[in-house]
Protein backbone atom coordinates (compact mmCIF):
# COMPACT_ATOMS: atom_id res chain seq x y z
CA MET A 1 34.92 82.19 75.09
CA HIS A 2 30.93 81.71 74.04
CA THR A 3 29.46 78.62 73.44
CA VAL A 4 26.61 78.34 70.79
CA GLN A 5 25.11 74.30 71.00
CA VAL A 6 23.96 72.87 67.28
CA GLU A 7 21.17 70.74 69.00
CA LEU A 8 20.74 66.95 67.65
CA ALA A 9 18.97 64.43 68.96
CA GLY A 10 22.11 62.24 70.23
CA ARG A 11 24.56 64.18 67.61
CA GLY A 12 24.67 67.77 69.41
CA TYR A 13 28.05 69.44 69.36
CA PRO A 14 29.53 72.97 70.86
CA ILE A 15 30.90 76.06 68.86
CA TYR A 16 33.34 77.81 70.99
CA ILE A 17 33.76 81.02 69.60
CA GLY A 18 36.70 83.29 71.44
CA ASP A 19 40.22 84.55 70.88
CA ARG A 20 43.11 82.67 71.54
CA LEU A 21 41.55 79.69 71.32
CA LEU A 22 43.46 77.65 68.79
CA PRO A 23 46.46 76.69 71.36
CA ARG A 24 43.42 75.25 74.16
CA ALA A 25 43.99 71.52 73.42
CA ASP A 26 41.90 71.03 76.39
CA LEU A 27 39.01 72.04 73.67
CA VAL A 28 40.06 69.30 71.87
CA ALA A 29 40.95 66.64 73.55
CA GLN A 30 38.10 66.79 75.87
CA HIS A 31 36.29 65.56 72.33
CA LEU A 32 38.92 62.68 71.37
CA PRO A 33 37.74 59.45 71.63
CA GLN A 34 41.48 58.08 71.66
CA LYS A 35 44.50 60.21 71.61
CA ARG A 36 45.52 60.17 68.18
CA ALA A 37 44.73 62.87 65.81
CA ALA A 38 45.61 63.42 61.99
CA LEU A 39 46.01 67.51 61.93
CA VAL A 40 44.35 68.83 57.90
CA THR A 41 45.63 72.11 57.26
CA ASP A 42 46.76 73.70 53.54
CA THR A 43 50.27 75.35 52.40
CA ALA A 44 49.34 78.87 53.01
CA LEU A 45 47.90 78.47 56.95
CA ALA A 46 50.36 75.82 57.78
CA PRO A 47 53.66 78.26 58.54
CA LEU A 48 50.77 80.66 60.69
CA TYR A 49 49.30 77.98 62.60
CA LEU A 50 49.99 74.49 62.60
CA ASP A 51 53.04 74.53 65.02
CA THR A 52 50.93 76.43 67.63
CA VAL A 53 47.89 73.38 67.43
CA ALA A 54 49.96 70.65 66.84
CA ASN A 55 52.69 71.38 70.10
CA ALA A 56 49.50 72.37 72.35
CA LEU A 57 48.14 68.98 71.12
CA THR A 58 51.23 67.35 71.52
CA ALA A 59 52.04 68.78 75.20
CA ALA A 60 48.55 67.41 75.73
CA GLY A 61 49.52 63.88 75.08
CA VAL A 62 48.07 63.49 71.79
CA ASN A 63 50.02 61.47 68.93
CA VAL A 64 49.42 63.94 65.94
CA ALA A 65 50.26 63.38 62.21
CA PRO A 66 50.37 66.85 60.66
CA ILE A 67 48.77 66.57 56.77
CA VAL A 68 49.28 69.28 54.30
CA LEU A 69 47.63 70.08 51.43
CA PRO A 70 47.68 72.42 48.30
CA ALA A 71 46.06 75.73 48.99
CA GLY A 72 42.93 77.15 47.14
CA GLU A 73 39.96 76.33 45.98
CA GLN A 74 40.67 74.69 42.15
CA HIS A 75 42.09 72.17 45.08
CA LYS A 76 39.29 71.02 46.32
CA ASP A 77 39.20 68.14 44.16
CA TRP A 78 39.34 64.48 43.71
CA HIS A 79 43.12 64.05 43.69
CA THR A 80 43.33 66.43 46.76
CA LEU A 81 41.08 64.17 48.85
CA SER A 82 43.40 61.18 47.97
CA THR A 83 46.03 62.62 49.10
CA VAL A 84 44.34 62.88 52.54
CA PHE A 85 43.46 59.23 52.07
CA ASP A 86 46.97 58.20 51.46
CA ALA A 87 48.32 60.19 54.58
CA LEU A 88 45.78 58.10 56.48
CA LEU A 89 46.65 54.78 55.77
CA ALA A 90 50.29 55.80 55.56
CA ASN A 91 50.14 56.86 59.44
CA ARG A 92 47.50 53.72 60.36
CA CYS A 93 45.02 55.99 61.07
CA GLU A 94 42.19 54.16 62.94
CA ARG A 95 38.13 54.60 63.08
CA LYS A 96 38.80 56.23 66.47
CA THR A 97 41.84 58.69 65.13
CA THR A 98 40.18 62.07 64.88
CA LEU A 99 40.40 64.40 62.01
CA ILE A 100 41.19 67.84 62.68
CA ALA A 101 40.45 70.39 59.80
CA LEU A 102 42.67 73.51 60.05
CA GLY A 103 42.03 76.46 57.60
CA GLY A 104 39.46 77.87 56.01
CA GLY A 105 35.99 76.47 53.75
CA VAL A 106 37.90 74.04 51.81
CA ILE A 107 40.04 72.56 54.26
CA GLY A 108 36.95 72.24 55.96
CA ASP A 109 34.54 70.60 53.03
CA LEU A 110 37.26 68.44 51.83
CA THR A 111 38.63 67.04 55.35
CA GLY A 112 34.84 66.86 56.64
CA PHE A 113 34.69 64.44 53.58
CA ALA A 114 37.13 62.87 54.23
CA ALA A 115 36.31 61.66 57.30
CA ALA A 116 32.81 60.48 56.38
CA THR A 117 34.44 58.44 53.92
CA TYR A 118 37.29 57.04 55.78
CA LEU A 119 36.72 53.05 57.29
CA ARG A 120 33.19 54.35 56.63
CA GLY A 121 33.33 57.37 59.00
CA VAL A 122 35.90 58.76 61.45
CA PRO A 123 35.22 61.83 64.23
CA PHE A 124 36.23 64.66 63.14
CA ILE A 125 36.56 68.47 64.62
CA GLN A 126 36.65 71.64 63.13
CA MET A 127 39.31 74.60 63.32
CA PRO A 128 38.10 77.22 61.33
CA THR A 129 40.52 80.34 60.34
CA THR A 130 38.11 82.41 58.05
CA LEU A 131 34.94 84.65 58.75
CA LEU A 132 33.25 82.57 55.79
CA ALA A 133 33.67 79.19 57.81
CA GLN A 134 33.38 80.66 61.47
CA VAL A 135 29.77 81.34 60.52
CA ASP A 136 28.99 78.93 57.95
CA SER A 137 30.71 76.53 56.67
CA SER A 138 32.32 74.61 59.34
CA VAL A 139 28.84 74.62 61.15
CA GLY A 140 25.79 71.88 60.37
CA GLY A 141 28.36 68.73 58.58
CA LYS A 142 27.95 69.83 54.66
CA THR A 143 31.49 67.99 53.37
CA ALA A 144 32.27 68.05 50.01
CA ILE A 145 34.84 68.41 47.21
CA ASN A 146 33.85 70.29 43.61
CA HIS A 147 33.78 68.17 40.30
CA PRO A 148 34.16 70.00 37.04
CA ARG A 149 30.48 70.72 36.33
CA GLY A 150 29.63 71.72 39.92
CA LYS A 151 30.69 73.15 43.29
CA ASN A 152 29.94 70.74 45.79
CA MET A 153 28.54 68.48 43.89
CA ILE A 154 30.43 65.27 45.67
CA GLY A 155 29.80 65.09 49.23
CA ALA A 156 27.73 63.80 52.80
CA PHE A 157 25.91 65.10 55.42
CA TYR A 158 28.58 64.40 58.51
CA GLN A 159 28.83 66.49 61.60
CA PRO A 160 31.87 67.15 63.52
CA LEU A 161 32.48 66.39 67.18
CA ALA A 162 33.14 70.42 67.86
CA VAL A 163 33.91 73.76 65.91
CA ILE A 164 36.52 76.12 67.44
CA ALA A 165 36.47 79.25 65.69
CA ASP A 166 39.54 81.34 66.92
CA THR A 167 38.60 85.06 66.20
CA THR A 168 42.27 86.02 66.27
CA THR A 169 42.95 84.42 63.29
CA LEU A 170 40.89 87.19 61.35
CA ASN A 171 43.85 89.31 62.30
CA THR A 172 45.90 87.78 59.95
CA LEU A 173 43.07 87.35 57.60
CA PRO A 174 43.03 88.97 53.39
CA GLU A 175 40.75 91.72 53.04
CA ARG A 176 39.06 89.97 50.55
CA GLU A 177 38.75 86.90 52.68
CA LEU A 178 36.81 89.01 55.13
CA GLY A 179 34.58 90.40 52.77
CA SER A 180 33.19 86.79 51.63
CA GLY A 181 32.83 85.79 55.05
CA LEU A 182 30.84 89.29 55.84
CA ALA A 183 28.57 88.22 52.50
CA GLU A 184 27.08 85.03 54.48
CA ILE A 185 27.16 86.91 57.72
CA ILE A 186 24.49 89.21 55.62
CA LYS A 187 23.00 86.21 54.19
CA TYR A 188 21.35 85.66 57.59
CA GLY A 189 19.78 88.89 57.92
CA LEU A 190 18.66 88.98 54.75
CA ILE A 191 16.96 85.32 55.22
CA ARG A 192 15.64 85.01 58.69
CA ASP A 193 16.65 87.72 60.80
CA ALA A 194 15.61 90.98 59.80
CA ALA A 195 16.88 92.80 63.36
CA PHE A 196 20.05 91.38 62.58
CA PHE A 197 20.16 92.97 59.46
CA GLU A 198 19.87 96.21 60.53
CA TRP A 199 22.24 95.49 63.54
CA LEU A 200 24.36 95.03 60.20
CA GLU A 201 23.79 98.53 58.64
CA SER A 202 24.71 100.34 61.94
CA ASN A 203 28.02 98.42 62.54
CA ILE A 204 29.47 96.99 58.97
CA ASN A 205 32.24 99.87 59.09
CA ALA A 206 33.21 98.51 62.61
CA LEU A 207 33.23 94.91 60.90
CA VAL A 208 35.56 95.72 57.87
CA ALA A 209 37.35 97.33 60.28
CA ARG A 210 37.45 94.14 61.94
CA ASP A 211 36.54 95.51 65.64
CA ALA A 212 37.02 92.67 67.69
CA ALA A 213 34.26 93.31 69.46
CA ALA A 214 31.84 93.32 66.53
CA LEU A 215 33.42 89.98 64.86
CA ALA A 216 32.49 87.87 67.76
CA ALA A 217 29.11 89.42 67.81
CA ALA A 218 28.45 88.64 64.48
CA ILE A 219 29.79 84.92 64.69
CA GLN A 220 28.01 84.34 67.55
CA ARG A 221 24.24 85.82 65.91
CA SER A 222 25.20 83.74 62.85
CA CYS A 223 26.18 80.59 64.23
CA GLU A 224 22.96 80.95 66.61
CA ASN A 225 21.13 81.22 63.07
CA LYS A 226 22.76 78.34 61.76
CA ALA A 227 22.31 76.07 64.87
CA ALA A 228 18.41 76.79 65.16
CA VAL A 229 18.33 76.09 61.21
CA VAL A 230 20.54 72.46 61.36
CA ALA A 231 18.48 71.32 64.06
CA ALA A 232 15.40 72.21 62.47
CA ASP A 233 16.49 70.71 59.23
CA GLU A 234 20.03 68.62 59.51
CA ARG A 235 19.51 66.63 55.66
CA GLU A 236 17.50 69.87 54.07
CA GLU A 237 14.27 67.60 54.06
CA SER A 238 11.73 70.43 55.38
CA GLY A 239 13.47 73.26 53.01
CA GLU A 240 13.99 75.12 55.75
CA ARG A 241 17.95 74.60 55.47
CA THR A 242 17.79 75.10 51.66
CA LEU A 243 17.15 78.69 52.66
CA LEU A 244 20.67 79.16 53.94
CA ASN A 245 21.58 79.21 50.34
CA LEU A 246 20.07 82.59 48.92
CA GLY A 247 22.51 83.79 46.53
CA HIS A 248 24.00 80.32 46.32
CA THR A 249 22.38 79.36 42.84
CA PHE A 250 23.39 81.94 40.99
CA GLY A 251 26.95 82.09 42.82
CA HIS A 252 27.64 78.85 42.32
CA ALA A 253 27.04 79.09 39.11
CA ILE A 254 29.58 81.91 38.68
CA GLU A 255 32.34 80.06 40.65
CA THR A 256 31.73 77.16 37.99
CA GLY A 257 31.52 79.36 35.21
CA LEU A 258 34.51 81.65 35.55
CA GLY A 259 36.55 78.40 36.88
CA TYR A 260 37.04 77.40 40.65
CA GLY A 261 38.82 80.46 43.08
CA ALA A 262 38.50 83.20 40.26
CA TRP A 263 36.12 84.73 42.68
CA LEU A 264 35.80 83.88 46.42
CA HIS A 265 32.61 81.91 47.32
CA GLY A 266 31.51 85.08 49.24
CA GLU A 267 32.01 87.30 46.78
CA ALA A 268 29.88 85.04 44.19
CA VAL A 269 27.03 84.68 46.99
CA ALA A 270 27.09 88.78 47.42
CA ALA A 271 26.34 88.89 43.42
CA GLY A 272 24.22 85.80 43.20
CA SER A 273 22.00 88.08 46.32
CA VAL A 274 21.48 90.68 44.44
CA ILE A 275 20.56 89.01 41.72
CA ALA A 276 17.73 86.69 44.19
CA ALA A 277 16.83 90.17 45.61
CA ARG A 278 16.26 91.73 42.06
CA VAL A 279 14.24 88.19 40.50
CA SER A 280 11.90 88.94 44.33
CA GLN A 281 11.36 92.21 42.86
CA TYR A 282 10.75 92.02 39.39
CA MET A 283 7.71 89.41 41.00
CA GLY A 284 6.52 92.03 43.18
CA LEU A 285 7.63 90.88 45.92
CA ILE A 286 10.17 93.13 47.32
CA SER A 287 10.82 97.39 46.35
CA ALA A 288 13.06 98.81 44.79
CA ALA A 289 14.15 100.45 47.85
CA ASP A 290 15.10 96.98 50.08
CA VAL A 291 17.26 96.36 46.73
CA ALA A 292 18.70 99.37 47.11
CA ARG A 293 19.00 98.50 51.06
CA ILE A 294 20.92 95.35 50.57
CA VAL A 295 23.10 96.52 47.48
CA VAL A 296 24.46 99.33 49.54
CA LEU A 297 25.46 96.96 52.76
CA LEU A 298 26.98 94.15 50.48
CA GLU A 299 28.98 97.28 48.88
CA ARG A 300 30.03 98.98 52.29
CA ALA A 301 31.15 95.40 53.11
CA ARG A 302 33.32 95.74 49.90
CA LEU A 303 31.57 92.51 47.95
CA PRO A 304 30.48 92.36 43.99
CA VAL A 305 27.30 93.62 43.30
CA VAL A 306 27.28 93.21 39.80
CA ALA A 307 27.93 89.76 38.58
CA PRO A 308 30.24 88.65 35.45
CA ASP A 309 28.03 88.76 32.21
CA LEU A 310 28.26 84.40 31.92
CA GLY A 311 25.23 84.85 29.15
CA LEU A 312 21.48 83.90 29.74
CA ALA A 313 21.88 80.63 28.40
CA ARG A 314 25.31 79.67 30.36
CA TYR A 315 23.72 80.87 33.25
CA LEU A 316 20.65 78.51 33.46
CA GLN A 317 22.90 75.80 31.72
CA LEU A 318 25.02 75.66 35.05
CA MET A 319 22.20 76.21 37.36
CA GLY A 320 20.37 73.13 35.78
CA ILE A 321 22.62 70.94 37.89
CA ASP A 322 21.89 72.96 41.36
CA LYS A 323 21.63 70.42 43.83
CA LYS A 324 18.08 72.65 44.86
CA VAL A 325 17.22 71.60 41.06
CA GLU A 326 14.23 68.76 41.88
CA GLY A 327 12.01 67.62 38.96
CA GLY A 328 14.59 68.94 36.41
CA ALA A 329 13.03 72.48 37.37
CA ILE A 330 15.73 75.56 39.06
CA ARG A 331 14.64 76.04 42.50
CA PHE A 332 15.13 79.45 43.99
CA ILE A 333 15.09 81.32 47.32
CA LEU A 334 14.23 84.67 46.78
CA LEU A 335 12.97 87.30 49.49
CA ARG A 336 9.37 88.42 50.84
CA ALA A 337 11.03 90.48 52.67
CA ILE A 338 14.43 91.75 54.16
CA GLY A 339 14.44 89.11 56.58
CA SER A 340 12.10 86.71 55.00
CA ALA A 341 12.70 84.26 52.84
CA PHE A 342 11.23 81.12 50.56
CA LEU A 343 11.78 78.49 48.03
CA THR A 344 9.83 78.11 44.81
CA ALA A 345 10.49 76.77 41.34
CA ASP A 346 7.80 79.50 40.26
CA VAL A 347 10.02 81.63 38.64
CA PRO A 348 8.27 83.95 35.49
CA PRO A 349 11.09 83.78 33.01
CA HIS A 350 10.89 87.28 32.11
CA ALA A 351 11.44 87.83 35.67
CA LEU A 352 14.94 85.45 35.72
CA ALA A 353 15.61 86.99 32.82
CA ALA A 354 15.62 91.03 33.22
CA ALA A 355 17.37 90.60 36.70
CA LEU A 356 19.93 88.82 35.17
CA ALA A 357 20.35 91.58 32.81
CA ALA A 358 20.27 93.99 35.51
CA SER A 359 23.08 92.62 37.84
CA VAL A 360 25.96 91.50 35.06
CA GLU A 361 28.27 93.70 33.89
CA ARG A 362 28.15 96.00 30.67
CA GLY A 363 30.95 95.09 28.57
């Protein structure tokens, strides 16, 4: 097991990374302010992992209230959030009752938001079971639900007590979910870690093949990158944390435009990253060869590199309600080089239109 520490003044927490960690009740129990927990998961994961975690915690003397939600991005909404609140109230959960999010990014985001708002804030722990959640969404305290007009538009910054990433869960991950996580891993190389990008180019076949050592190394490096960014800019005030959203402005437009769940989050981020790379190229920041390297790596990770053709007007409309919009201007994360990203609202309309035209599917 490896431990990465997220350094926040007085509120830091560990990320435990290793295999067979779900039955490790000791990792959870040491962080519980009382021996009560609400264990939140979904219908897809409950048959796989709910009993393992619940039985281990019960054996350690923890009173566990399981909450099983419908699976899928389309259920990351007010109705499902209310279901969590109903269960918490029915079980008389208190301010020291810890919520445990056992699942992927949807469960982690939704449970975290429930924890941030139930009784004005209760503790929670992340137990991510997907690659994307282990390297990105479980770390950093971003919690949210979707709105029909935009993804993750309603939420709060709320840090967990700990993150427990059991790499064994990746053995049961569907191929598309694995690729979705690889998109976020590649993102770290693109925005701030050129050496990691080169490592990924050499090891992407092993990652796709689920080589345990390669996956563990990639998860640890990704979490180290995420932890460093969060420690420097927890609430996206300096702009550094915003760089983690490379590809997300376009990607969220894809997810919203197609309907939540049609594309996985990482798939949309992959296609969005290609668009952002092409905008960077057309602005004279990176070369065509750099864009080709990015496209090839994403393709080797079995990710989409062509975006759906929503139309320029629809993309602009959807991106206009992105969380990074400031003063009415859409701000984009672009690349000065592989391993160096920056935030700007100064994007020539012709570069944006040309990048979208070059990156969407042909009818």
